[in-house]
Amino acid sequence: MPKMKTHRGAAKRFKVTGSGKIVRVKAYKSHILTKKNAKRKRRLGDEIEISAADYPHVRRQLGR
């Protein structure tokens, strides 16, 4: 059986932490930033752990 390939799109969007959690960057921080206040833009810069429902799918795409 051949090795499983990593889904390259997923690899660019998700990161596995040292403890094994999968984190992602929040959406809506790429454009139309003038109407968003500074606090909101600052919060959108944070990384957040993916939801439990998404874990099996993302893990499989990352080849883990």
C-alpha atoms as a PDB file:
ATOM      1  CA  MET A   1       0.000   0.000   0.000  1.00  0.00           C
ATOM      2  CA  PRO A   2       1.463   3.425  -0.910  1.00  0.00           C
ATOM      3  CA  LYS A   3       2.015   6.190   1.588  1.00  0.00           C
ATOM      4  CA  MET A   4      -0.850   8.580   2.213  1.00  0.00           C
ATOM      5  CA  LYS A   5      -0.300  11.996   0.658  1.00  0.00           C
ATOM      6  CA  THR A   6      -0.782  15.187   2.643  1.00  0.00           C
ATOM      7  CA  HIS A   7      -3.550  17.438   1.322  1.00  0.00           C
ATOM      8  CA  ARG A   8      -1.447  20.495   0.449  1.00  0.00           C
ATOM      9  CA  GLY A   9      -4.329  22.969   0.837  1.00  0.00           C
ATOM     10  CA  ALA A  10      -4.970  21.700   4.369  1.00  0.00           C
ATOM     11  CA  ALA A  11      -1.259  21.751   5.218  1.00  0.00           C
ATOM     12  CA  LYS A  12      -1.163  25.475   4.452  1.00  0.00           C
ATOM     13  CA  ARG A  13      -4.221  26.223   6.605  1.00  0.00           C
ATOM     14  CA  PHE A  14      -3.690  24.063   9.703  1.00  0.00           C
ATOM     15  CA  LYS A  15      -0.781  23.566  12.086  1.00  0.00           C
ATOM     16  CA  VAL A  16      -0.213  20.821  14.651  1.00  0.00           C
ATOM     17  CA  THR A  17       1.058  22.033  18.016  1.00  0.00           C
ATOM     18  CA  GLY A  18       3.606  20.218  20.139  1.00  0.00           C
ATOM     19  CA  SER A  19       0.849  18.709  22.279  1.00  0.00           C
ATOM     20  CA  GLY A  20      -0.959  17.410  19.178  1.00  0.00           C
ATOM     21  CA  LYS A  21      -3.741  19.985  18.929  1.00  0.00           C
ATOM     22  CA  ILE A  22      -4.662  21.289  15.475  1.00  0.00           C
ATOM     23  CA  VAL A  23      -4.955  25.066  15.191  1.00  0.00           C
ATOM     24  CA  ARG A  24      -6.199  27.368  12.472  1.00  0.00           C
ATOM     25  CA  VAL A  25      -6.221  31.115  11.810  1.00  0.00           C
ATOM     26  CA  LYS A  26      -9.540  32.953  12.002  1.00  0.00           C
ATOM     27  CA  ALA A  27     -11.217  34.170   8.828  1.00  0.00           C
ATOM     28  CA  TYR A  28     -12.262  37.702   7.746  1.00  0.00           C
ATOM     29  CA  LYS A  29      -8.952  39.519   8.196  1.00  0.00           C
ATOM     30  CA  SER A  30      -7.847  39.786   4.577  1.00  0.00           C
ATOM     31  CA  HIS A  31      -9.754  42.802   3.248  1.00  0.00           C
ATOM     32  CA  ILE A  32     -12.447  45.408   4.016  1.00  0.00           C
ATOM     33  CA  LEU A  33     -10.603  46.242   7.232  1.00  0.00           C
ATOM     34  CA  THR A  34     -11.589  49.919   7.476  1.00  0.00           C
ATOM     35  CA  LYS A  35     -15.037  49.191   8.906  1.00  0.00           C
ATOM     36  CA  LYS A  36     -13.712  46.689  11.472  1.00  0.00           C
ATOM     37  CA  ASN A  37     -12.555  48.156  14.760  1.00  0.00           C
ATOM     38  CA  ALA A  38      -9.052  47.571  16.137  1.00  0.00           C
ATOM     39  CA  LYS A  39     -10.188  45.161  18.835  1.00  0.00           C
ATOM     40  CA  ARG A  40     -11.953  42.968  16.297  1.00  0.00           C
ATOM     41  CA  LYS A  41      -8.959  42.939  13.926  1.00  0.00           C
ATOM     42  CA  ARG A  42      -6.659  42.079  16.812  1.00  0.00           C
ATOM     43  CA  ARG A  43      -8.865  39.131  17.837  1.00  0.00           C
ATOM     44  CA  LEU A  44      -9.020  37.919  14.228  1.00  0.00           C
ATOM     45  CA  GLY A  45      -5.227  37.618  14.242  1.00  0.00           C
ATOM     46  CA  ASP A  46      -5.313  34.866  16.869  1.00  0.00           C
ATOM     47  CA  GLU A  47      -4.989  31.168  16.249  1.00  0.00           C
ATOM     48  CA  ILE A  48      -7.771  28.957  17.577  1.00  0.00           C
ATOM     49  CA  GLU A  49      -8.114  25.222  18.026  1.00  0.00           C
ATOM     50  CA  ILE A  50     -10.350  23.546  15.452  1.00  0.00           C
ATOM     51  CA  SER A  51     -13.711  22.179  16.580  1.00  0.00           C
ATOM     52  CA  ALA A  52     -13.985  18.579  17.766  1.00  0.00           C
ATOM     53  CA  ALA A  53     -16.248  17.691  14.837  1.00  0.00           C
ATOM     54  CA  ASP A  54     -13.515  18.667  12.346  1.00  0.00           C
ATOM     55  CA  TYR A  55     -10.666  16.726  13.974  1.00  0.00           C
ATOM     56  CA  PRO A  56     -11.056  13.396  12.116  1.00  0.00           C
ATOM     57  CA  HIS A  57     -11.294  15.057   8.702  1.00  0.00           C
ATOM     58  CA  VAL A  58      -8.378  17.448   9.208  1.00  0.00           C
ATOM     59  CA  ARG A  59      -6.157  14.783  10.765  1.00  0.00           C
ATOM     60  CA  ARG A  60      -6.720  12.561   7.777  1.00  0.00           C
ATOM     61  CA  GLN A  61      -5.905  15.380   5.351  1.00  0.00           C
ATOM     62  CA  LEU A  62      -2.701  16.125   7.238  1.00  0.00           C
ATOM     63  CA  GLY A  63      -1.663  12.476   7.007  1.00  0.00           C
ATOM     64  CA  ARG A  64      -1.741  11.832  10.765  1.00  0.00           C
END
